[in-house]
Amino acid sequence: MTLGDDDYRALAAFRTELRRFLAFSEQAARAAGLTPQQHQMLLAVRGHAGPGPAAVSDVAEALLLRRHSATELVNRAAEAGLVERTADADDARRTLVVLTARGAAVLAGLSELHQGELARLRAVVRGLDG
């Protein structure tokens, strides 16, 4: 497949829109009193698709972090009152992570903001396809 000028323009526009979305997301997290990584971590915990609560290893996988980095992130979030850590009753080596009421409330507010930005991004991406 040979790419033409329109293909390169579409790819460049898509990358620009991704950067805009990420910049929006980072600014929204900071405005809510979180670091961008804390926001991503809260979303990974709340959006965990597995059975039961997310483990620190699930957070690491979702955020493309090493386990020790995810552990540090979870520890800081726990100190900030955003999440609670508990030992897995079936495997004491695993630490489970759940949102606190405060963490859930902050995430809900950020997620509402992001829905509007996602709608804008979807419209832009659809326009790039045709």
N, C-alpha and C. Protein backbone atom coordinates (compact mmCIF):
# COMPACT_ATOMS: atom_id res chain seq x y z
N MET A 1 0.84 -1.18 0.00
CA MET A 1 0.00 0.00 0.00
C MET A 1 0.89 1.25 0.00
N THR A 2 0.62 2.12 -0.89
CA THR A 2 1.34 3.39 -0.97
C THR A 2 0.48 4.48 -0.35
N LEU A 3 1.09 5.21 0.55
CA LEU A 3 0.37 6.29 1.20
C LEU A 3 0.49 7.57 0.38
N GLY A 4 -0.63 8.28 0.30
CA GLY A 4 -0.62 9.54 -0.41
C GLY A 4 -0.64 10.72 0.55
N ASP A 5 -0.66 11.90 -0.01
CA ASP A 5 -0.67 13.11 0.81
C ASP A 5 -1.86 13.16 1.77
N ASP A 6 -3.03 12.74 1.29
CA ASP A 6 -4.22 12.75 2.15
C ASP A 6 -4.05 11.82 3.35
N ASP A 7 -3.39 10.69 3.13
CA ASP A 7 -3.15 9.74 4.22
C ASP A 7 -2.25 10.37 5.28
N TYR A 8 -1.20 11.02 4.84
CA TYR A 8 -0.28 11.66 5.79
C TYR A 8 -0.96 12.81 6.53
N ARG A 9 -1.80 13.57 5.82
CA ARG A 9 -2.53 14.66 6.47
C ARG A 9 -3.49 14.11 7.53
N ALA A 10 -4.16 13.00 7.20
CA ALA A 10 -5.09 12.39 8.14
C ALA A 10 -4.35 11.87 9.38
N LEU A 11 -3.21 11.22 9.17
CA LEU A 11 -2.42 10.72 10.30
C LEU A 11 -1.91 11.87 11.17
N ALA A 12 -1.44 12.92 10.53
CA ALA A 12 -0.94 14.08 11.28
C ALA A 12 -2.07 14.73 12.07
N ALA A 13 -3.24 14.86 11.46
CA ALA A 13 -4.39 15.47 12.14
C ALA A 13 -4.84 14.60 13.31
N PHE A 14 -4.83 13.30 13.12
CA PHE A 14 -5.22 12.38 14.18
C PHE A 14 -4.26 12.50 15.36
N ARG A 15 -2.96 12.51 15.09
CA ARG A 15 -1.97 12.65 16.17
C ARG A 15 -2.14 13.98 16.90
N THR A 16 -2.43 15.04 16.16
CA THR A 16 -2.65 16.34 16.78
C THR A 16 -3.87 16.29 17.70
N GLU A 17 -4.94 15.67 17.25
CA GLU A 17 -6.15 15.57 18.07
C GLU A 17 -5.90 14.72 19.32
N LEU A 18 -5.11 13.66 19.19
CA LEU A 18 -4.75 12.86 20.37
C LEU A 18 -3.98 13.71 21.38
N ARG A 19 -3.04 14.51 20.88
CA ARG A 19 -2.27 15.38 21.78
C ARG A 19 -3.19 16.40 22.45
N ARG A 20 -4.16 16.93 21.71
CA ARG A 20 -5.12 17.88 22.29
C ARG A 20 -5.94 17.21 23.39
N PHE A 21 -6.38 15.99 23.12
CA PHE A 21 -7.16 15.27 24.12
C PHE A 21 -6.32 15.03 25.37
N LEU A 22 -5.09 14.58 25.20
CA LEU A 22 -4.22 14.32 26.34
C LEU A 22 -3.93 15.60 27.12
N ALA A 23 -3.71 16.71 26.42
CA ALA A 23 -3.46 17.98 27.10
C ALA A 23 -4.71 18.40 27.88
N PHE A 24 -5.88 18.24 27.28
CA PHE A 24 -7.14 18.54 27.98
C PHE A 24 -7.24 17.68 29.24
N SER A 25 -6.98 16.38 29.10
CA SER A 25 -7.11 15.45 30.21
C SER A 25 -6.14 15.79 31.34
N GLU A 26 -4.91 16.10 31.00
CA GLU A 26 -3.92 16.45 32.01
C GLU A 26 -4.31 17.73 32.75
N GLN A 27 -4.80 18.73 32.01
CA GLN A 27 -5.21 19.98 32.64
C GLN A 27 -6.42 19.75 33.54
N ALA A 28 -7.37 18.95 33.10
CA ALA A 28 -8.56 18.67 33.91
C ALA A 28 -8.18 17.94 35.20
N ALA A 29 -7.24 17.01 35.11
CA ALA A 29 -6.80 16.29 36.31
C ALA A 29 -6.17 17.26 37.30
N ARG A 30 -5.29 18.11 36.79
CA ARG A 30 -4.63 19.08 37.68
C ARG A 30 -5.64 20.02 38.33
N ALA A 31 -6.62 20.46 37.55
CA ALA A 31 -7.65 21.35 38.08
C ALA A 31 -8.47 20.66 39.18
N ALA A 32 -8.57 19.34 39.11
CA ALA A 32 -9.30 18.57 40.12
C ALA A 32 -8.40 18.20 41.31
N GLY A 33 -7.14 18.63 41.27
CA GLY A 33 -6.23 18.36 42.37
C GLY A 33 -5.50 17.04 42.28
N LEU A 34 -5.49 16.45 41.09
CA LEU A 34 -4.81 15.18 40.87
C LEU A 34 -3.65 15.36 39.90
N THR A 35 -2.72 14.43 39.94
CA THR A 35 -1.74 14.37 38.86
C THR A 35 -2.40 13.60 37.72
N PRO A 36 -1.93 13.78 36.49
CA PRO A 36 -2.49 12.99 35.39
C PRO A 36 -2.39 11.48 35.65
N GLN A 37 -1.30 11.02 36.25
CA GLN A 37 -1.17 9.58 36.53
C GLN A 37 -2.17 9.12 37.58
N GLN A 38 -2.46 9.96 38.57
CA GLN A 38 -3.47 9.58 39.56
C GLN A 38 -4.83 9.43 38.88
N HIS A 39 -5.14 10.34 37.98
CA HIS A 39 -6.41 10.24 37.25
C HIS A 39 -6.46 8.95 36.45
N GLN A 40 -5.39 8.64 35.75
CA GLN A 40 -5.35 7.41 34.96
C GLN A 40 -5.49 6.18 35.86
N MET A 41 -4.85 6.23 37.03
CA MET A 41 -4.93 5.11 37.96
C MET A 41 -6.34 4.93 38.47
N LEU A 42 -7.01 6.03 38.85
CA LEU A 42 -8.40 5.93 39.31
C LEU A 42 -9.29 5.33 38.22
N LEU A 43 -9.08 5.76 37.00
CA LEU A 43 -9.87 5.23 35.89
C LEU A 43 -9.57 3.76 35.67
N ALA A 44 -8.31 3.35 35.79
CA ALA A 44 -7.96 1.94 35.63
C ALA A 44 -8.61 1.09 36.72
N VAL A 45 -8.64 1.60 37.94
CA VAL A 45 -9.26 0.86 39.05
C VAL A 45 -10.76 0.75 38.83
N ARG A 46 -11.40 1.87 38.51
CA ARG A 46 -12.86 1.88 38.32
C ARG A 46 -13.27 1.11 37.07
N GLY A 47 -12.46 1.15 36.03
CA GLY A 47 -12.79 0.50 34.78
C GLY A 47 -12.28 -0.93 34.65
N HIS A 48 -11.71 -1.46 35.73
CA HIS A 48 -11.17 -2.82 35.70
C HIS A 48 -12.26 -3.82 35.32
N ALA A 49 -11.99 -4.62 34.30
CA ALA A 49 -13.00 -5.53 33.76
C ALA A 49 -12.97 -6.92 34.40
N GLY A 50 -11.95 -7.20 35.16
CA GLY A 50 -11.82 -8.53 35.73
C GLY A 50 -12.81 -8.79 36.83
N PRO A 51 -12.87 -10.04 37.25
CA PRO A 51 -13.73 -10.34 38.39
C PRO A 51 -13.11 -9.76 39.66
N GLY A 52 -13.89 -9.10 40.45
CA GLY A 52 -13.39 -8.52 41.68
C GLY A 52 -12.62 -7.24 41.44
N PRO A 53 -12.09 -6.69 42.54
CA PRO A 53 -11.34 -5.43 42.45
C PRO A 53 -10.04 -5.59 41.68
N ALA A 54 -9.53 -4.48 41.20
CA ALA A 54 -8.24 -4.47 40.51
C ALA A 54 -7.13 -4.71 41.54
N ALA A 55 -6.10 -5.40 41.10
CA ALA A 55 -4.89 -5.57 41.91
C ALA A 55 -3.87 -4.55 41.43
N VAL A 56 -2.85 -4.33 42.24
CA VAL A 56 -1.78 -3.42 41.82
C VAL A 56 -1.19 -3.87 40.49
N SER A 57 -1.08 -5.17 40.27
CA SER A 57 -0.56 -5.67 39.00
C SER A 57 -1.47 -5.29 37.83
N ASP A 58 -2.78 -5.24 38.06
CA ASP A 58 -3.72 -4.79 37.02
C ASP A 58 -3.51 -3.31 36.70
N VAL A 59 -3.28 -2.52 37.74
CA VAL A 59 -3.00 -1.10 37.55
C VAL A 59 -1.72 -0.94 36.74
N ALA A 60 -0.69 -1.70 37.09
CA ALA A 60 0.57 -1.63 36.36
C ALA A 60 0.36 -1.95 34.89
N GLU A 61 -0.39 -3.00 34.62
CA GLU A 61 -0.64 -3.40 33.23
C GLU A 61 -1.42 -2.33 32.47
N ALA A 62 -2.45 -1.79 33.10
CA ALA A 62 -3.30 -0.79 32.44
C ALA A 62 -2.54 0.49 32.13
N LEU A 63 -1.60 0.86 33.01
CA LEU A 63 -0.87 2.12 32.84
C LEU A 63 0.51 1.92 32.20
N LEU A 64 0.81 0.68 31.81
CA LEU A 64 2.10 0.36 31.19
C LEU A 64 3.26 0.75 32.10
N LEU A 65 3.12 0.39 33.39
CA LEU A 65 4.13 0.68 34.39
C LEU A 65 4.72 -0.62 34.91
N ARG A 66 5.90 -0.51 35.50
CA ARG A 66 6.45 -1.65 36.24
C ARG A 66 5.70 -1.74 37.55
N ARG A 67 5.67 -2.93 38.10
CA ARG A 67 4.88 -3.16 39.31
C ARG A 67 5.29 -2.24 40.46
N HIS A 68 6.59 -2.04 40.65
CA HIS A 68 7.01 -1.17 41.76
C HIS A 68 6.57 0.27 41.55
N SER A 69 6.53 0.74 40.30
CA SER A 69 6.05 2.10 40.02
C SER A 69 4.55 2.21 40.30
N ALA A 70 3.81 1.16 39.93
CA ALA A 70 2.37 1.16 40.20
C ALA A 70 2.12 1.11 41.71
N THR A 71 2.94 0.36 42.42
CA THR A 71 2.80 0.30 43.88
C THR A 71 3.00 1.67 44.50
N GLU A 72 4.01 2.40 44.05
CA GLU A 72 4.26 3.75 44.56
C GLU A 72 3.08 4.68 44.24
N LEU A 73 2.55 4.57 43.04
CA LEU A 73 1.42 5.41 42.64
C LEU A 73 0.20 5.09 43.51
N VAL A 74 -0.07 3.82 43.73
CA VAL A 74 -1.20 3.42 44.57
C VAL A 74 -0.97 3.88 46.01
N ASN A 75 0.24 3.76 46.50
CA ASN A 75 0.54 4.19 47.87
C ASN A 75 0.28 5.69 48.04
N ARG A 76 0.73 6.50 47.08
CA ARG A 76 0.49 7.95 47.16
C ARG A 76 -1.00 8.28 47.08
N ALA A 77 -1.72 7.54 46.23
CA ALA A 77 -3.17 7.76 46.12
C ALA A 77 -3.88 7.36 47.41
N ALA A 78 -3.41 6.32 48.05
CA ALA A 78 -3.99 5.90 49.34
C ALA A 78 -3.73 6.97 50.40
N GLU A 79 -2.52 7.52 50.41
CA GLU A 79 -2.20 8.58 51.36
C GLU A 79 -3.06 9.82 51.13
N ALA A 80 -3.46 10.05 49.88
CA ALA A 80 -4.30 11.19 49.53
C ALA A 80 -5.79 10.90 49.75
N GLY A 81 -6.12 9.68 50.17
CA GLY A 81 -7.51 9.33 50.43
C GLY A 81 -8.32 9.01 49.20
N LEU A 82 -7.65 8.67 48.11
CA LEU A 82 -8.35 8.38 46.85
C LEU A 82 -8.68 6.90 46.69
N VAL A 83 -7.85 6.03 47.24
CA VAL A 83 -8.05 4.59 47.14
C VAL A 83 -7.73 3.94 48.49
N GLU A 84 -8.18 2.71 48.63
CA GLU A 84 -7.81 1.88 49.77
C GLU A 84 -7.17 0.62 49.23
N ARG A 85 -6.17 0.13 49.96
CA ARG A 85 -5.50 -1.11 49.60
C ARG A 85 -5.95 -2.19 50.58
N THR A 86 -6.17 -3.39 50.05
CA THR A 86 -6.49 -4.53 50.91
C THR A 86 -5.77 -5.75 50.38
N ALA A 87 -5.46 -6.67 51.27
CA ALA A 87 -4.85 -7.92 50.85
C ALA A 87 -5.92 -8.80 50.21
N ASP A 88 -5.55 -9.49 49.17
CA ASP A 88 -6.45 -10.43 48.51
C ASP A 88 -6.64 -11.63 49.44
N ALA A 89 -7.89 -11.95 49.77
CA ALA A 89 -8.17 -13.05 50.69
C ALA A 89 -7.73 -14.40 50.11
N ASP A 90 -7.70 -14.51 48.78
CA ASP A 90 -7.30 -15.76 48.14
C ASP A 90 -5.81 -15.87 47.89
N ASP A 91 -5.12 -14.73 47.84
CA ASP A 91 -3.69 -14.72 47.55
C ASP A 91 -3.07 -13.52 48.27
N ALA A 92 -2.50 -13.77 49.41
CA ALA A 92 -1.97 -12.68 50.25
C ALA A 92 -0.84 -11.91 49.58
N ARG A 93 -0.29 -12.45 48.50
CA ARG A 93 0.77 -11.74 47.79
C ARG A 93 0.20 -10.59 46.95
N ARG A 94 -1.09 -10.65 46.68
CA ARG A 94 -1.73 -9.63 45.84
C ARG A 94 -2.36 -8.54 46.69
N THR A 95 -2.17 -7.30 46.28
CA THR A 95 -2.81 -6.16 46.93
C THR A 95 -3.92 -5.65 46.02
N LEU A 96 -5.13 -5.60 46.54
CA LEU A 96 -6.28 -5.11 45.79
C LEU A 96 -6.45 -3.62 46.04
N VAL A 97 -7.01 -2.94 45.06
CA VAL A 97 -7.17 -1.49 45.12
C VAL A 97 -8.63 -1.16 44.83
N VAL A 98 -9.25 -0.38 45.73
CA VAL A 98 -10.63 0.08 45.52
C VAL A 98 -10.68 1.58 45.75
N LEU A 99 -11.57 2.22 45.04
CA LEU A 99 -11.75 3.67 45.21
C LEU A 99 -12.43 3.97 46.53
N THR A 100 -12.03 5.05 47.14
CA THR A 100 -12.75 5.58 48.29
C THR A 100 -13.91 6.42 47.75
N ALA A 101 -14.77 6.87 48.63
CA ALA A 101 -15.86 7.76 48.20
C ALA A 101 -15.28 9.02 47.57
N ARG A 102 -14.22 9.54 48.16
CA ARG A 102 -13.58 10.74 47.60
C ARG A 102 -13.01 10.45 46.21
N GLY A 103 -12.31 9.34 46.07
CA GLY A 103 -11.74 8.98 44.76
C GLY A 103 -12.82 8.79 43.71
N ALA A 104 -13.91 8.14 44.10
CA ALA A 104 -15.02 7.92 43.16
C ALA A 104 -15.65 9.24 42.74
N ALA A 105 -15.80 10.17 43.68
CA ALA A 105 -16.42 11.46 43.36
C ALA A 105 -15.54 12.28 42.43
N VAL A 106 -14.24 12.31 42.70
CA VAL A 106 -13.32 13.06 41.84
C VAL A 106 -13.32 12.45 40.44
N LEU A 107 -13.27 11.13 40.37
CA LEU A 107 -13.26 10.45 39.06
C LEU A 107 -14.55 10.71 38.30
N ALA A 108 -15.68 10.68 38.98
CA ALA A 108 -16.96 10.93 38.32
C ALA A 108 -17.00 12.31 37.68
N GLY A 109 -16.52 13.30 38.41
CA GLY A 109 -16.49 14.66 37.86
C GLY A 109 -15.59 14.76 36.64
N LEU A 110 -14.40 14.16 36.73
CA LEU A 110 -13.49 14.19 35.59
C LEU A 110 -14.06 13.42 34.40
N SER A 111 -14.71 12.31 34.68
CA SER A 111 -15.25 11.49 33.59
C SER A 111 -16.37 12.22 32.85
N GLU A 112 -17.17 12.97 33.58
CA GLU A 112 -18.21 13.76 32.91
C GLU A 112 -17.58 14.79 31.97
N LEU A 113 -16.54 15.46 32.43
CA LEU A 113 -15.83 16.41 31.57
C LEU A 113 -15.27 15.73 30.33
N HIS A 114 -14.72 14.55 30.52
CA HIS A 114 -14.09 13.84 29.42
C HIS A 114 -15.09 13.34 28.38
N GLN A 115 -16.32 13.07 28.80
CA GLN A 115 -17.32 12.60 27.83
C GLN A 115 -17.54 13.63 26.73
N GLY A 116 -17.61 14.90 27.09
CA GLY A 116 -17.78 15.95 26.08
C GLY A 116 -16.58 16.03 25.14
N GLU A 117 -15.40 15.92 25.70
CA GLU A 117 -14.19 15.98 24.88
C GLU A 117 -14.09 14.76 23.99
N LEU A 118 -14.52 13.60 24.48
CA LEU A 118 -14.51 12.39 23.65
C LEU A 118 -15.50 12.53 22.48
N ALA A 119 -16.63 13.13 22.73
CA ALA A 119 -17.60 13.35 21.64
C ALA A 119 -16.98 14.23 20.56
N ARG A 120 -16.27 15.27 20.97
CA ARG A 120 -15.60 16.13 20.00
C ARG A 120 -14.55 15.35 19.22
N LEU A 121 -13.78 14.53 19.92
CA LEU A 121 -12.73 13.75 19.27
C LEU A 121 -13.31 12.74 18.31
N ARG A 122 -14.41 12.09 18.68
CA ARG A 122 -15.06 11.13 17.78
C ARG A 122 -15.47 11.81 16.47
N ALA A 123 -16.04 13.00 16.58
CA ALA A 123 -16.48 13.72 15.38
C ALA A 123 -15.29 14.06 14.49
N VAL A 124 -14.18 14.46 15.08
CA VAL A 124 -12.99 14.78 14.31
C VAL A 124 -12.46 13.53 13.62
N VAL A 125 -12.39 12.42 14.34
CA VAL A 125 -11.86 11.18 13.78
C VAL A 125 -12.75 10.68 12.64
N ARG A 126 -14.05 10.79 12.80
CA ARG A 126 -14.95 10.38 11.72
C ARG A 126 -14.69 11.22 10.47
N GLY A 127 -14.43 12.50 10.65
CA GLY A 127 -14.13 13.37 9.51
C GLY A 127 -12.83 13.03 8.82
N LEU A 128 -11.89 12.44 9.54
CA LEU A 128 -10.62 12.06 8.95
C LEU A 128 -10.73 10.82 8.08
N ASP A 129 -11.73 10.01 8.35
CA ASP A 129 -11.87 8.74 7.66
C ASP A 129 -12.43 8.87 6.26
N GLY A 130 -13.04 9.96 5.97
CA GLY A 130 -13.67 10.01 4.66
C GLY A 130 -13.40 11.24 3.98
